Amino acid sequence: MKAVSGSESADDRRDSFEEPVDQRLQGFYEIPREIDMEGLAAEFDISDQSVSERLRRGHRNFVRNGLGWGSLGDEDSTD
């Protein structure tokens, strides 16, 4: 990941973070999977539970916002 300078915009900083994240997640969505949740947890140095929760939140937000399906139930649901 490249260093962030004071002159970089928020978009530049987000892009510099998202690129390596996208590369790491790519194998998770392949069939068969090239990396599992435990592998992602190790890559990001977070717990398996954190990976699961973040993916679930991301999927929920994609369905709600990206597909325009609006509310899918209780916001505080732990699924």
N, C-alpha and C. Protein backbone atom coordinates (compact mmCIF):
# COMPACT_ATOMS: atom_id res chain seq x y z
N MET A 1 0.85 -1.17 0.00
CA MET A 1 0.00 0.00 0.00
C MET A 1 0.89 1.23 0.00
N LYS A 2 0.50 2.25 -0.77
CA LYS A 2 1.33 3.44 -0.83
C LYS A 2 1.11 4.34 0.38
N ALA A 3 2.11 5.15 0.68
CA ALA A 3 2.01 6.08 1.81
C ALA A 3 1.04 7.19 1.47
N VAL A 4 0.36 7.70 2.48
CA VAL A 4 -0.61 8.76 2.29
C VAL A 4 0.03 10.09 2.62
N SER A 5 0.01 11.00 1.65
CA SER A 5 0.56 12.33 1.89
C SER A 5 -0.57 13.30 2.21
N GLY A 6 -0.22 14.42 2.77
CA GLY A 6 -1.21 15.42 3.13
C GLY A 6 -1.93 16.01 1.94
N SER A 7 -1.34 15.92 0.74
CA SER A 7 -1.96 16.51 -0.44
C SER A 7 -2.92 15.56 -1.15
N GLU A 8 -2.99 14.30 -0.71
CA GLU A 8 -3.90 13.36 -1.34
C GLU A 8 -5.34 13.64 -0.92
N SER A 9 -6.25 13.45 -1.86
CA SER A 9 -7.67 13.63 -1.56
C SER A 9 -8.20 12.39 -0.85
N ALA A 10 -9.39 12.52 -0.30
CA ALA A 10 -10.03 11.38 0.36
C ALA A 10 -10.24 10.26 -0.65
N ASP A 11 -10.59 10.60 -1.90
CA ASP A 11 -10.78 9.58 -2.93
C ASP A 11 -9.49 8.83 -3.21
N ASP A 12 -8.36 9.55 -3.27
CA ASP A 12 -7.06 8.90 -3.49
C ASP A 12 -6.74 7.94 -2.35
N ARG A 13 -7.02 8.36 -1.12
CA ARG A 13 -6.74 7.50 0.03
C ARG A 13 -7.63 6.27 0.01
N ARG A 14 -8.91 6.46 -0.34
CA ARG A 14 -9.83 5.34 -0.40
C ARG A 14 -9.40 4.37 -1.49
N ASP A 15 -9.02 4.89 -2.67
CA ASP A 15 -8.57 4.03 -3.76
C ASP A 15 -7.32 3.26 -3.39
N SER A 16 -6.40 3.89 -2.67
CA SER A 16 -5.16 3.20 -2.29
C SER A 16 -5.44 2.09 -1.29
N PHE A 17 -6.53 2.21 -0.51
CA PHE A 17 -6.91 1.16 0.43
C PHE A 17 -7.73 0.09 -0.28
N GLU A 18 -8.68 0.49 -1.13
CA GLU A 18 -9.59 -0.46 -1.75
C GLU A 18 -8.90 -1.41 -2.70
N GLU A 19 -7.88 -0.95 -3.41
CA GLU A 19 -7.22 -1.83 -4.38
C GLU A 19 -6.67 -3.09 -3.71
N PRO A 20 -5.86 -2.98 -2.64
CA PRO A 20 -5.38 -4.20 -2.01
C PRO A 20 -6.50 -5.01 -1.36
N VAL A 21 -7.54 -4.35 -0.86
CA VAL A 21 -8.67 -5.07 -0.27
C VAL A 21 -9.36 -5.89 -1.35
N ASP A 22 -9.60 -5.27 -2.50
CA ASP A 22 -10.25 -5.99 -3.60
C ASP A 22 -9.42 -7.19 -4.03
N GLN A 23 -8.10 -7.06 -4.10
CA GLN A 23 -7.24 -8.17 -4.49
C GLN A 23 -7.32 -9.30 -3.47
N ARG A 24 -7.38 -8.97 -2.21
CA ARG A 24 -7.45 -10.00 -1.16
C ARG A 24 -8.80 -10.71 -1.17
N LEU A 25 -9.87 -9.97 -1.41
CA LEU A 25 -11.21 -10.57 -1.39
C LEU A 25 -11.52 -11.37 -2.64
N GLN A 26 -10.83 -11.10 -3.74
CA GLN A 26 -11.15 -11.72 -5.00
C GLN A 26 -11.21 -13.25 -4.89
N GLY A 27 -10.24 -13.85 -4.24
CA GLY A 27 -10.22 -15.30 -4.10
C GLY A 27 -11.37 -15.85 -3.28
N PHE A 28 -11.94 -15.05 -2.39
CA PHE A 28 -13.05 -15.48 -1.55
C PHE A 28 -14.29 -15.74 -2.38
N TYR A 29 -14.47 -14.96 -3.46
CA TYR A 29 -15.67 -15.07 -4.29
C TYR A 29 -15.49 -15.99 -5.49
N GLU A 30 -14.31 -16.60 -5.64
CA GLU A 30 -14.07 -17.56 -6.72
C GLU A 30 -14.74 -18.89 -6.38
N ILE A 31 -15.03 -19.69 -7.40
CA ILE A 31 -15.57 -21.02 -7.19
C ILE A 31 -14.61 -21.99 -7.86
N PRO A 32 -13.95 -22.87 -7.15
CA PRO A 32 -13.95 -22.98 -5.69
C PRO A 32 -13.16 -21.83 -5.07
N ARG A 33 -13.42 -21.58 -3.80
CA ARG A 33 -12.74 -20.48 -3.10
C ARG A 33 -11.25 -20.70 -3.07
N GLU A 34 -10.51 -19.60 -3.28
CA GLU A 34 -9.06 -19.64 -3.19
C GLU A 34 -8.58 -19.24 -1.80
N ILE A 35 -9.48 -18.63 -1.01
CA ILE A 35 -9.18 -18.24 0.36
C ILE A 35 -10.48 -18.33 1.15
N ASP A 36 -10.39 -18.77 2.38
CA ASP A 36 -11.58 -18.88 3.22
C ASP A 36 -11.60 -17.74 4.24
N MET A 37 -12.62 -17.73 5.08
CA MET A 37 -12.75 -16.65 6.06
C MET A 37 -11.58 -16.59 7.02
N GLU A 38 -11.07 -17.75 7.40
CA GLU A 38 -9.91 -17.78 8.30
C GLU A 38 -8.70 -17.14 7.61
N GLY A 39 -8.54 -17.42 6.32
CA GLY A 39 -7.44 -16.83 5.56
C GLY A 39 -7.59 -15.32 5.44
N LEU A 40 -8.83 -14.86 5.21
CA LEU A 40 -9.07 -13.40 5.15
C LEU A 40 -8.76 -12.77 6.50
N ALA A 41 -9.18 -13.43 7.56
CA ALA A 41 -8.91 -12.90 8.90
C ALA A 41 -7.42 -12.73 9.11
N ALA A 42 -6.65 -13.71 8.69
CA ALA A 42 -5.19 -13.62 8.83
C ALA A 42 -4.63 -12.49 7.96
N GLU A 43 -5.14 -12.35 6.73
CA GLU A 43 -4.68 -11.29 5.81
C GLU A 43 -4.91 -9.90 6.40
N PHE A 44 -6.08 -9.71 7.02
CA PHE A 44 -6.43 -8.40 7.55
C PHE A 44 -6.08 -8.24 9.03
N ASP A 45 -5.56 -9.29 9.63
CA ASP A 45 -5.16 -9.28 11.03
C ASP A 45 -6.34 -8.92 11.94
N ILE A 46 -7.48 -9.58 11.68
CA ILE A 46 -8.68 -9.43 12.50
C ILE A 46 -9.23 -10.82 12.76
N SER A 47 -10.22 -10.93 13.64
CA SER A 47 -10.79 -12.23 13.98
C SER A 47 -11.70 -12.75 12.87
N ASP A 48 -11.92 -14.07 12.87
CA ASP A 48 -12.85 -14.68 11.92
C ASP A 48 -14.24 -14.05 12.06
N GLN A 49 -14.65 -13.82 13.30
CA GLN A 49 -15.96 -13.22 13.57
C GLN A 49 -16.05 -11.84 12.94
N SER A 50 -14.98 -11.05 13.02
CA SER A 50 -14.99 -9.70 12.42
C SER A 50 -15.12 -9.78 10.91
N VAL A 51 -14.43 -10.74 10.29
CA VAL A 51 -14.56 -10.91 8.84
C VAL A 51 -16.00 -11.24 8.48
N SER A 52 -16.59 -12.18 9.20
CA SER A 52 -17.97 -12.59 8.94
C SER A 52 -18.93 -11.41 9.08
N GLU A 53 -18.80 -10.66 10.16
CA GLU A 53 -19.69 -9.52 10.39
C GLU A 53 -19.54 -8.45 9.32
N ARG A 54 -18.29 -8.16 8.92
CA ARG A 54 -18.06 -7.12 7.92
C ARG A 54 -18.57 -7.54 6.55
N LEU A 55 -18.37 -8.80 6.19
CA LEU A 55 -18.90 -9.27 4.92
C LEU A 55 -20.42 -9.24 4.92
N ARG A 56 -21.01 -9.66 6.03
CA ARG A 56 -22.48 -9.66 6.12
C ARG A 56 -23.04 -8.25 6.01
N ARG A 57 -22.40 -7.31 6.72
CA ARG A 57 -22.82 -5.91 6.64
C ARG A 57 -22.65 -5.36 5.22
N GLY A 58 -21.54 -5.69 4.60
CA GLY A 58 -21.29 -5.22 3.23
C GLY A 58 -22.31 -5.77 2.25
N HIS A 59 -22.63 -7.05 2.37
CA HIS A 59 -23.64 -7.65 1.49
C HIS A 59 -25.00 -7.00 1.71
N ARG A 60 -25.36 -6.81 2.99
CA ARG A 60 -26.64 -6.19 3.31
C ARG A 60 -26.72 -4.78 2.72
N ASN A 61 -25.64 -4.00 2.87
CA ASN A 61 -25.63 -2.64 2.34
C ASN A 61 -25.68 -2.64 0.82
N PHE A 62 -25.02 -3.60 0.18
CA PHE A 62 -25.07 -3.69 -1.27
C PHE A 62 -26.50 -3.97 -1.74
N VAL A 63 -27.16 -4.92 -1.09
CA VAL A 63 -28.53 -5.25 -1.48
C VAL A 63 -29.46 -4.06 -1.26
N ARG A 64 -29.32 -3.41 -0.12
CA ARG A 64 -30.18 -2.27 0.19
C ARG A 64 -29.92 -1.07 -0.72
N ASN A 65 -28.65 -0.71 -0.86
CA ASN A 65 -28.31 0.51 -1.57
C ASN A 65 -27.98 0.27 -3.04
N GLY A 66 -27.17 -0.74 -3.31
CA GLY A 66 -26.74 -1.00 -4.68
C GLY A 66 -27.86 -1.52 -5.56
N LEU A 67 -28.72 -2.35 -5.00
CA LEU A 67 -29.83 -2.89 -5.76
C LEU A 67 -31.11 -2.10 -5.55
N GLY A 68 -31.07 -1.15 -4.62
CA GLY A 68 -32.23 -0.29 -4.38
C GLY A 68 -33.40 -1.00 -3.74
N TRP A 69 -33.13 -2.01 -2.94
CA TRP A 69 -34.21 -2.77 -2.32
C TRP A 69 -34.66 -2.17 -1.00
N GLY A 70 -34.06 -1.07 -0.58
CA GLY A 70 -34.47 -0.39 0.64
C GLY A 70 -34.28 -1.23 1.88
N SER A 71 -35.15 -1.05 2.84
CA SER A 71 -35.03 -1.72 4.13
C SER A 71 -35.31 -3.20 4.00
N LEU A 72 -34.44 -3.99 4.62
CA LEU A 72 -34.63 -5.45 4.63
C LEU A 72 -34.93 -5.96 6.03
N GLY A 73 -35.46 -5.12 6.87
CA GLY A 73 -35.77 -5.55 8.22
C GLY A 73 -35.10 -4.68 9.25
N ASP A 74 -35.01 -5.21 10.44
CA ASP A 74 -34.46 -4.49 11.59
C ASP A 74 -32.98 -4.16 11.38
N GLU A 75 -32.60 -2.91 11.47
CA GLU A 75 -31.23 -2.44 11.30
C GLU A 75 -30.29 -3.07 12.31
N ASP A 76 -30.76 -3.36 13.50
CA ASP A 76 -29.92 -3.91 14.55
C ASP A 76 -29.88 -5.43 14.57
N SER A 77 -30.48 -6.06 13.57
CA SER A 77 -30.52 -7.52 13.53
C SER A 77 -29.13 -8.10 13.47
N THR A 78 -28.91 -9.19 14.20
CA THR A 78 -27.59 -9.85 14.20
C THR A 78 -27.56 -11.03 13.25
N ASP A 79 -28.63 -11.24 12.50
CA ASP A 79 -28.72 -12.31 11.51
C ASP A 79 -28.26 -13.62 12.06
